[in-house]
Protein backbone atom coordinates (compact mmCIF):
# COMPACT_ATOMS: atom_id res chain seq x y z
CA UNK A 1 87.82 92.35 121.06
CA UNK A 2 90.89 91.45 122.63
CA UNK A 3 94.05 93.11 121.65
CA UNK A 4 95.00 90.51 118.96
CA UNK A 5 91.67 91.46 117.02
CA UNK A 6 91.79 94.84 117.51
CA UNK A 7 95.43 95.02 115.95
CA UNK A 8 94.08 92.76 113.14
CA UNK A 9 91.22 94.72 112.50
CA UNK A 10 92.82 97.96 112.22
CA UNK A 11 95.84 96.60 110.22
CA UNK A 12 93.42 95.14 107.49
CA UNK A 13 90.97 97.78 107.54
CA UNK A 14 94.22 100.00 106.72
CA UNK A 15 95.26 97.92 103.94
CA UNK A 16 91.61 98.30 102.47
CA UNK A 17 91.95 101.91 102.89
CA UNK A 18 95.09 102.11 101.20
CA UNK A 19 94.33 99.87 98.25
CA UNK A 20 91.12 100.60 97.43
CA UNK A 21 91.79 104.62 97.60
CA UNK A 22 94.00 103.87 94.99
CA UNK A 23 91.37 102.13 92.62
CA UNK A 24 88.94 104.98 93.60
CA UNK A 25 91.17 108.05 93.03
CA UNK A 26 91.07 107.47 89.17
CA UNK A 27 87.04 107.42 88.96
CA UNK A 28 86.39 111.20 89.28
CA UNK A 29 89.66 112.40 87.34
CA UNK A 30 90.64 109.95 84.45
CA UNK A 31 87.70 111.21 82.03
CA UNK A 32 89.10 114.74 81.98
CA UNK A 33 93.00 114.13 82.71
CA UNK A 34 93.18 111.43 80.23
CA UNK A 35 92.39 113.95 77.46
CA UNK A 36 96.13 114.88 77.15
CA UNK A 37 96.99 111.59 75.59
CA UNK A 38 97.07 111.22 71.79
CA UNK A 39 94.94 108.50 71.40
CA UNK A 40 92.00 109.73 73.84
CA UNK A 41 88.46 108.46 73.01
CA UNK A 42 85.29 108.34 75.28
CA UNK A 43 85.62 104.53 74.51
CA UNK A 44 89.50 104.02 76.02
CA UNK A 45 88.31 106.21 78.65
CA UNK A 46 85.34 103.79 79.60
CA UNK A 47 87.53 100.92 79.45
CA UNK A 48 90.45 102.28 81.28
CA UNK A 49 87.94 103.41 84.53
CA UNK A 50 86.42 99.94 84.10
CA UNK A 51 88.88 97.85 82.77
CA UNK A 52 90.37 96.41 86.02
CA UNK A 53 86.88 95.16 86.87
CA UNK A 54 87.44 92.57 84.19
CA UNK A 55 90.48 90.99 85.57
CA UNK A 56 88.74 91.63 89.30
CA UNK A 57 85.49 89.43 88.17
CA UNK A 58 87.49 86.83 86.33
CA UNK A 59 90.23 86.37 89.33
CA UNK A 60 88.00 86.90 92.77
CA UNK A 61 87.04 83.53 92.93
CA UNK A 62 90.42 81.62 92.23
CA UNK A 63 92.32 84.14 94.10
CA UNK A 64 90.14 83.20 97.37
CA UNK A 65 90.56 79.56 96.60
CA UNK A 66 94.21 79.79 96.27
CA UNK A 67 94.41 81.50 99.63
CA UNK A 68 92.97 78.22 101.21
CA UNK A 69 95.85 76.23 99.66
CA UNK A 70 98.82 78.55 100.02
CA UNK A 71 97.80 80.42 102.90
CA UNK A 72 96.15 84.08 103.11
CA UNK A 73 99.43 86.08 103.58
CA UNK A 74 101.06 84.89 100.67
CA UNK A 75 98.48 85.41 98.13
CA UNK A 76 97.61 88.81 99.79
CA UNK A 77 101.36 89.91 99.32
CA UNK A 78 101.39 88.39 95.73
CA UNK A 79 97.89 90.58 94.92
CA UNK A 80 99.62 93.76 96.05
CA UNK A 81 102.60 93.45 93.76
CA UNK A 82 100.19 92.55 91.18
CA UNK A 83 98.33 96.01 91.97
CA UNK A 84 101.30 97.81 92.39
CA UNK A 85 102.80 96.65 89.06
CA UNK A 86 100.04 97.50 87.29
CA UNK A 87 99.95 101.14 89.14
CA UNK A 88 103.13 102.08 87.84
CA UNK A 89 102.87 100.63 84.31
CA UNK A 90 99.67 103.39 84.04
CA UNK A 91 101.65 105.94 85.73
CA UNK A 92 104.37 105.70 83.19
CA UNK A 93 101.93 105.31 80.03
CA UNK A 94 102.31 107.55 77.47
CA UNK A 95 99.00 106.10 75.38
CA UNK A 96 95.50 105.37 76.64
CA UNK A 97 96.12 101.73 75.32
CA UNK A 98 99.03 101.39 77.90
CA UNK A 99 97.18 102.55 80.44
CA UNK A 100 94.47 100.35 80.12
CA UNK A 101 97.01 97.52 80.11
CA UNK A 102 98.22 98.94 83.45
CA UNK A 103 94.58 99.02 85.00
CA UNK A 104 93.64 95.37 83.85
CA UNK A 105 96.99 94.41 85.74
CA UNK A 106 96.09 96.31 88.65
CA UNK A 107 92.60 94.27 88.72
CA UNK A 108 94.38 90.95 88.66
CA UNK A 109 95.62 91.78 92.05
CA UNK A 110 92.16 90.32 93.62
CA UNK A 111 92.72 89.93 96.99
CA UNK A 112 89.20 90.79 98.32
CA UNK A 113 88.42 87.40 99.46
CA UNK A 114 91.60 86.47 100.85
CA UNK A 115 91.78 89.65 103.08
CA UNK A 116 88.15 89.01 104.49
CA UNK A 117 89.33 85.22 105.18
CA UNK A 118 92.23 86.55 107.00
CA UNK A 119 90.22 88.54 108.93
CA UNK A 120 87.89 85.30 109.63
CA UNK A 121 90.86 83.64 111.12
CA UNK A 122 92.38 86.03 113.58
CA UNK A 123 88.99 86.76 115.15
CA UNK A 124 86.73 84.75 117.25
CA UNK A 125 83.28 83.74 116.35
CA UNK A 126 81.81 85.91 119.08
CA UNK A 127 83.88 89.20 117.77
CA UNK A 128 83.75 88.48 113.95
CA UNK A 129 80.82 90.97 113.29
CA UNK A 130 83.02 93.81 114.96
CA UNK A 131 85.74 93.05 112.76
CA UNK A 132 83.92 92.83 109.47
CA UNK A 133 81.93 95.98 110.46
CA UNK A 134 85.62 97.69 111.10
CA UNK A 135 86.57 96.86 107.72
CA UNK A 136 83.59 97.56 105.93
CA UNK A 137 83.45 101.03 107.55
CA UNK A 138 87.00 101.44 106.39
CA UNK A 139 85.83 100.54 102.35
CA UNK A 140 83.23 102.95 102.71
CA UNK A 141 85.62 105.87 104.16
CA UNK A 142 88.09 104.87 101.45
CA UNK A 143 85.74 105.68 98.94
CA UNK A 144 84.58 109.41 99.98
CA UNK A 145 88.07 109.89 100.67
CA UNK A 146 89.60 108.92 97.11
CA UNK A 147 86.55 111.07 95.55
CA UNK A 148 87.92 113.72 97.43
CA UNK A 149 91.60 113.85 97.23
CA UNK A 150 91.76 112.08 93.50
CA UNK A 151 90.91 115.57 91.60
CA UNK A 152 93.61 117.31 94.04
CA UNK A 153 96.18 114.90 93.39
CA UNK A 154 95.79 115.06 89.55
CA UNK A 155 95.97 118.73 89.06
CA UNK A 156 99.19 118.87 90.89
CA UNK A 157 100.71 115.49 89.88
CA UNK A 158 98.40 114.62 86.40
CA UNK A 159 97.26 111.33 86.19
CA UNK A 160 100.70 109.53 86.50
CA UNK A 161 100.84 110.70 89.83
CA UNK A 162 97.59 109.64 90.82
CA UNK A 163 98.91 106.17 89.52
CA UNK A 164 101.92 106.56 91.07
CA UNK A 165 100.61 107.27 94.51
CA UNK A 166 98.33 104.22 94.16
CA UNK A 167 101.54 102.07 93.92
CA UNK A 168 102.95 103.48 96.40
CA UNK A 169 99.92 102.73 98.74
CA UNK A 170 100.02 99.09 97.87
CA UNK A 171 103.94 99.07 98.88
CA UNK A 172 102.78 100.41 102.16
CA UNK A 173 100.20 97.76 102.76
CA UNK A 174 103.08 94.94 102.45
CA UNK A 175 104.66 95.57 105.77
CA UNK A 176 101.24 95.88 107.57
CA UNK A 177 100.09 92.34 106.22
CA UNK A 178 103.44 90.57 106.60
CA UNK A 179 104.47 91.97 110.29
CA UNK A 180 101.23 93.70 111.92
CA UNK A 181 98.48 91.27 111.21
CA UNK A 182 98.97 88.07 113.60
CA UNK A 183 99.77 85.24 112.13
CA UNK A 184 97.20 82.29 112.94
CA UNK A 185 96.06 78.93 111.40
CA UNK A 186 93.45 78.66 108.67
CA UNK A 187 90.15 78.14 109.80
CA UNK A 188 87.05 76.51 108.37
CA UNK A 189 86.17 78.79 105.36
CA UNK A 190 82.74 77.49 104.22
CA UNK A 191 81.12 80.83 105.09
CA UNK A 192 84.31 83.01 104.07
CA UNK A 193 85.72 81.60 100.78
CA UNK A 194 84.11 79.88 97.73
CA UNK A 195 84.12 76.04 96.89
CA UNK A 196 83.63 75.13 92.96
CA UNK A 197 81.29 72.60 94.13
CA UNK A 198 78.77 75.13 94.97
CA UNK A 199 79.44 78.08 92.72
CA UNK A 200 76.57 76.23 89.86
CA UNK A 201 73.90 75.78 92.19
CA UNK A 202 74.27 79.23 93.78
CA UNK A 203 74.94 80.98 90.45
CA UNK A 204 71.21 79.86 89.36
CA UNK A 205 69.39 80.45 92.80
CA UNK A 206 66.19 82.43 91.72
CA UNK A 207 67.07 84.78 94.52
CA UNK A 208 70.60 85.42 94.73
CA UNK A 209 70.85 86.10 90.72
CA UNK A 210 68.65 88.79 91.44
CA UNK A 211 70.96 90.06 93.92
CA UNK A 212 73.97 89.32 91.72
CA UNK A 213 72.46 91.41 88.86
CA UNK A 214 71.88 93.98 91.23
CA UNK A 215 75.31 94.67 92.30
CA UNK A 216 76.44 94.06 88.77
CA UNK A 217 73.72 97.29 87.79
CA UNK A 218 74.84 99.25 91.04
CA UNK A 219 78.76 99.25 89.84
CA UNK A 220 77.99 99.76 86.28
CA UNK A 221 76.15 102.90 86.91
CA UNK A 222 78.54 104.51 89.51
CA UNK A 223 81.23 103.93 86.74
CA UNK A 224 79.16 105.17 83.90
CA UNK A 225 78.72 108.19 86.17
CA UNK A 226 82.01 108.88 86.73
CA UNK A 227 83.03 108.37 83.06
CA UNK A 228 80.38 111.43 82.31
CA UNK A 229 80.33 113.81 85.48
CA UNK A 230 83.74 115.13 85.39
CA UNK A 231 83.14 116.14 81.94
CA UNK A 232 80.01 117.66 82.93
CA UNK A 233 81.11 119.87 85.56
CA UNK A 234 84.00 121.24 83.48
CA UNK A 235 80.97 122.55 81.07
CA UNK A 236 80.31 124.98 84.28
CA UNK A 237 83.89 126.27 84.10
CA UNK A 238 84.80 124.07 87.44
CA UNK A 239 88.66 123.23 87.02
CA UNK A 240 89.45 119.63 88.15
CA UNK A 241 90.81 120.71 91.58
CA UNK A 242 87.78 122.51 92.33
CA UNK A 243 85.42 119.46 91.97
CA UNK A 244 85.86 118.23 95.48
CA UNK A 245 83.40 121.46 96.08
CA UNK A 246 80.50 119.58 94.47
CA UNK A 247 81.50 116.08 95.91
CA UNK A 248 82.04 117.15 99.39
CA UNK A 249 78.25 118.49 99.61
CA UNK A 250 76.82 115.69 98.15
CA UNK A 251 78.61 112.95 100.02
CA UNK A 252 77.40 114.66 103.15
CA UNK A 253 73.89 115.04 102.20
CA UNK A 254 73.57 111.32 100.54
CA UNK A 255 74.62 110.37 104.07
CA UNK A 256 71.84 112.01 105.56
CA UNK A 257 69.54 110.52 102.98
CA UNK A 258 71.45 106.87 103.88
CA UNK A 259 70.50 107.34 107.36
CA UNK A 260 66.81 108.63 106.54
CA UNK A 261 66.72 104.96 104.10
CA UNK A 262 68.14 103.02 107.11
CA UNK A 263 65.79 104.69 109.50
CA UNK A 264 63.07 103.38 107.27
CA UNK A 265 64.37 100.11 107.05
CA UNK A 266 64.53 99.39 110.67
CA UNK A 267 67.30 97.08 110.55
CA UNK A 268 65.74 95.21 107.82
CA UNK A 269 65.99 95.19 103.93
CA UNK A 270 62.67 95.56 102.79
CA UNK A 271 62.07 95.11 99.03
CA UNK A 272 60.30 98.31 98.66
CA UNK A 273 62.96 100.33 99.99
CA UNK A 274 65.45 98.52 97.66
CA UNK A 275 63.42 99.62 94.68
CA UNK A 276 63.40 103.13 96.29
CA UNK A 277 66.88 103.30 96.00
CA UNK A 278 67.28 102.22 92.39
CA UNK A 279 64.40 104.54 91.44
CA UNK A 280 66.55 107.45 93.02
CA UNK A 281 69.62 106.38 90.93
CA UNK A 282 67.22 106.16 87.77
CA UNK A 283 65.87 109.65 88.48
CA UNK A 284 69.19 110.97 88.80
CA UNK A 285 70.25 109.88 85.34
CA UNK A 286 67.39 111.01 84.14
CA UNK A 287 67.70 114.63 85.63
CA UNK A 288 71.36 114.49 84.53
CA UNK A 289 70.02 113.41 80.71
CA UNK A 290 67.63 116.41 80.81
CA UNK A 291 69.79 119.15 82.35
CA UNK A 292 70.95 121.90 80.27
CA UNK A 293 73.45 124.51 81.87
CA UNK A 294 71.68 124.10 85.46
CA UNK A 295 74.20 123.69 88.15
CA UNK A 296 71.58 123.00 90.43
CA UNK A 297 70.17 120.27 88.46
CA UNK A 298 73.70 118.25 88.60
CA UNK A 299 74.02 118.68 91.89
CA UNK A 300 70.36 117.62 93.14
CA UNK A 301 70.77 114.57 90.77
CA UNK A 302 74.07 113.49 91.96
CA UNK A 303 72.62 113.71 95.67
CA UNK A 304 70.03 111.18 94.62
CA UNK A 305 72.27 109.10 93.10
CA UNK A 306 74.31 108.82 96.08
CA UNK A 307 71.66 108.23 98.66
CA UNK A 308 70.16 105.37 96.49
CA UNK A 309 74.02 103.85 96.01
CA UNK A 310 74.85 104.19 99.47
CA UNK A 311 71.91 102.24 100.50
CA UNK A 312 72.68 99.39 98.19
CA UNK A 313 76.19 99.35 98.59
CA UNK A 314 75.51 98.58 102.16
CA UNK A 315 72.52 96.52 101.86
CA UNK A 316 72.92 94.10 99.31
CA UNK A 317 75.68 92.04 100.70
CA UNK A 318 73.42 91.80 103.88
CA UNK A 319 70.89 90.50 101.77
CA UNK A 320 73.21 87.98 100.08
CA UNK A 321 74.41 86.75 103.44
CA UNK A 322 71.20 85.88 104.44
CA UNK A 323 69.78 84.14 101.81
CA UNK A 324 73.01 81.92 101.24
CA UNK A 325 72.48 78.19 102.47
CA UNK A 326 74.42 77.61 105.52
CA UNK A 327 78.12 76.83 105.17
CA UNK A 328 77.95 78.69 101.50
CA UNK A 329 77.90 82.05 102.00
CA UNK A 330 81.88 82.28 100.89
CA UNK A 331 80.69 80.91 97.36
CA UNK A 332 77.87 83.15 97.14
CA UNK A 333 79.78 86.29 98.07
CA UNK A 334 82.27 85.10 95.75
CA UNK A 335 79.96 85.16 92.86
CA UNK A 336 78.59 88.36 94.21
CA UNK A 337 81.99 90.05 94.25
CA UNK A 338 82.70 88.95 90.50
CA UNK A 339 79.62 90.22 89.25
CA UNK A 340 80.11 93.42 91.05
CA UNK A 341 83.73 94.45 89.48
CA UNK A 342 82.14 92.84 86.17
CA UNK A 343 79.42 95.87 86.49
CA UNK A 344 82.53 98.29 86.80
CA UNK A 345 83.88 96.99 83.53
CA UNK A 346 80.27 96.87 81.92
CA UNK A 347 79.69 100.63 83.14
CA UNK A 348 82.91 101.77 81.29
CA UNK A 349 82.52 99.93 78.18
CA UNK A 350 78.69 101.06 77.91
CA UNK A 351 79.59 104.87 78.41
CA UNK A 352 82.17 104.61 76.47
CA UNK A 353 80.25 103.02 73.26
CA UNK A 354 76.83 105.09 73.82
CA UNK A 355 79.53 108.36 73.75
CA UNK A 356 81.35 107.27 70.97
CA UNK A 357 78.25 106.88 68.86
CA UNK A 358 75.81 109.44 70.16
CA UNK A 359 76.38 111.97 72.70
CA UNK A 360 77.23 112.18 76.38
CA UNK A 361 73.77 112.78 77.68
CA UNK A 362 72.56 109.79 75.82
CA UNK A 363 74.99 107.76 78.30
CA UNK A 364 72.70 109.24 80.90
CA UNK A 365 69.78 107.89 79.54
CA UNK A 366 71.49 104.61 78.71
CA UNK A 367 71.95 104.49 82.78
CA UNK A 368 68.52 105.43 83.43
CA UNK A 369 67.15 102.72 81.20
CA UNK A 370 69.46 100.30 82.95
CA UNK A 371 67.74 101.41 86.26
CA UNK A 372 64.38 100.83 84.92
CA UNK A 373 64.99 97.34 84.00
CA UNK A 374 66.85 96.78 87.12
CA UNK A 375 63.69 97.63 88.71
CA UNK A 376 61.68 95.23 87.14
CA UNK A 377 63.95 92.69 88.32
CA UNK A 378 64.16 93.49 91.84
CA UNK A 379 60.15 93.21 91.88
CA UNK A 380 60.50 89.29 91.81
CA UNK A 381 62.98 89.59 95.21
CA UNK A 382 61.20 88.30 98.29
CA UNK A 383 61.15 89.31 101.82
CA UNK A 384 63.86 87.50 103.58
CA UNK A 385 63.93 86.30 107.43
CA UNK A 386 66.67 88.07 109.26
CA UNK A 387 69.10 85.47 110.64
CA UNK A 388 72.48 84.99 112.28
CA UNK A 389 75.20 82.70 111.06
CA UNK A 390 77.44 80.76 113.19
CA UNK A 391 80.16 78.17 112.66
CA UNK A 392 81.38 75.91 115.03
CA UNK A 393 84.42 73.46 114.91
CA UNK A 394 83.52 69.85 115.66
CA UNK A 395 85.06 66.16 115.57
CA UNK A 396 83.26 63.84 113.28
CA UNK A 397 85.30 60.77 114.68
CA UNK A 398 82.38 60.00 116.93
CA UNK A 399 79.32 61.05 114.85
CA UNK A 400 77.96 60.87 111.38
CA UNK A 401 77.56 64.46 110.07
CA UNK A 402 73.76 63.64 109.30
CA UNK A 403 73.20 62.24 112.49
CA UNK A 404 74.57 65.71 113.73
CA UNK A 405 72.55 67.82 111.70
CA UNK A 406 69.40 65.94 112.80
CA UNK A 407 70.46 66.43 116.14
CA UNK A 408 71.11 70.00 115.96
CA UNK A 409 67.79 70.94 114.22
CA UNK A 410 65.80 69.74 117.16
CA UNK A 411 67.19 72.68 119.13
CA UNK A 412 65.42 75.96 119.31
CA UNK A 413 66.33 78.37 116.72
CA UNK A 414 67.91 76.52 114.56
CA UNK A 415 66.76 77.39 110.85
CA UNK A 416 69.28 75.87 108.81
CA UNK A 417 72.20 73.81 109.76
CA UNK A 418 75.29 71.73 107.11
CA UNK A 419 77.98 69.82 108.59
CA UNK A 420 81.10 69.63 106.84
CA UNK A 421 83.57 66.71 107.55
CA UNK A 422 86.13 67.98 105.52
CA UNK A 423 86.51 71.07 107.50
CA UNK A 424 85.64 69.74 111.11
CA UNK A 425 82.83 72.40 111.36
CA UNK A 426 79.15 72.90 111.24
CA UNK A 427 77.47 75.66 109.71
CA UNK A 428 74.07 77.31 111.36
CA UNK A 429 71.71 79.89 110.29
CA UNK A 430 69.87 80.88 113.36
CA UNK A 431 67.32 83.07 114.82
CA UNK A 432 67.67 84.96 118.09
CA UNK A 433 65.90 82.07 120.17
CA UNK A 434 69.09 80.24 119.54
CA UNK A 435 70.86 78.77 122.72
CA UNK A 436 74.90 78.70 122.01
CA UNK A 437 75.34 77.02 125.30
CA UNK A 438 73.03 73.90 124.23
CA UNK A 439 74.81 73.70 121.05
CA UNK A 440 78.04 73.53 122.68
CA UNK A 441 77.14 70.81 125.18
CA UNK A 442 75.50 68.97 122.28
CA UNK A 443 78.85 69.04 120.18
CA UNK A 444 80.67 68.15 123.69
CA UNK A 445 79.06 64.79 123.49
CA UNK A 446 81.14 63.87 120.63
CA UNK A 447 84.07 65.45 121.56
């Protein structure tokens, strides 16, 4: 990567770390810290933890498309302002209802798509995967850091302190976006941002809907877990600030488990390993449902859960990227992200409703049943060929898109190609045998 790309990658990664930390810090503390509110109830706790997912799901695609029209930075800055406002409302809340309102407003700052599109704009095709990898690592790091730091902040400054820090972190992102990330023109976005015309066909795609339901189930379960787990830990006389003593070794051991699963996968994403990861999460919920005052059972269950979660969180987006048609990855990922955040909302609601009607342990059983249904859906998933994606700029003044698609299909290693006159670009799905120089020579004929 050149200096411009390194600067952009690090700045956008830091924006993700600061913003996602703010969202994630609430998860391991809210169920315990919110007991001080006069209108506390398990249902409202579930809504407070998952509430941001509802507006994130609804606005993820519109905000992404808006960045194509208004520009990336204005939309990202607007989203950060909305997110910060929601954070400060939640920080000043004196009731669960007001806090939920703040959480829902936080979710309205749905800028993930716009940030990824900006990362695409500021990087060359050959270096784009590295830029995305840096951002992906930052997202994972922010989750682990938030789970460890959140309980410490809550113990010292309360829940209002967690939300206050969240708002301040969002404000800190703004100068990074405004002045550190380079200003560039918007590039072709078919593989980056969603297009309305493509959403219906992708929504009902036999393979993609299984992956969309999978990420919804995945985030439903982690939200359900964090509504219940902090309360479970308090039953072992663990105060909130000591919860990191469980989370730290759990995350460390689960990363080892992740490495083992990835080693078994050997760079691919076999259906059998995906189902195994879901089975680990189901087993974890069954153990938590059956545990009765045995800390080691809780510890082992959470390790199994995070081993499966970490693998699927990394692997499912790669599967979506592989299966999505050429030039439509942006739309496929937009739908995927909406399901992801809606899953967080469902997890909060499900946990709250089940706990209100029955018991907290029953919520764990509901998670296990959900995982079992999810595994049945995964059995319909097909093995897919590992393909790379490539987009290339081209002028259609001297050639018809259909003719160019036919010519490119003749090149070795081209699996799929879509030419877009509106974006002056061609999108390809290619194998290792593809020769980029041959494609550039072909496009040069029509320059």
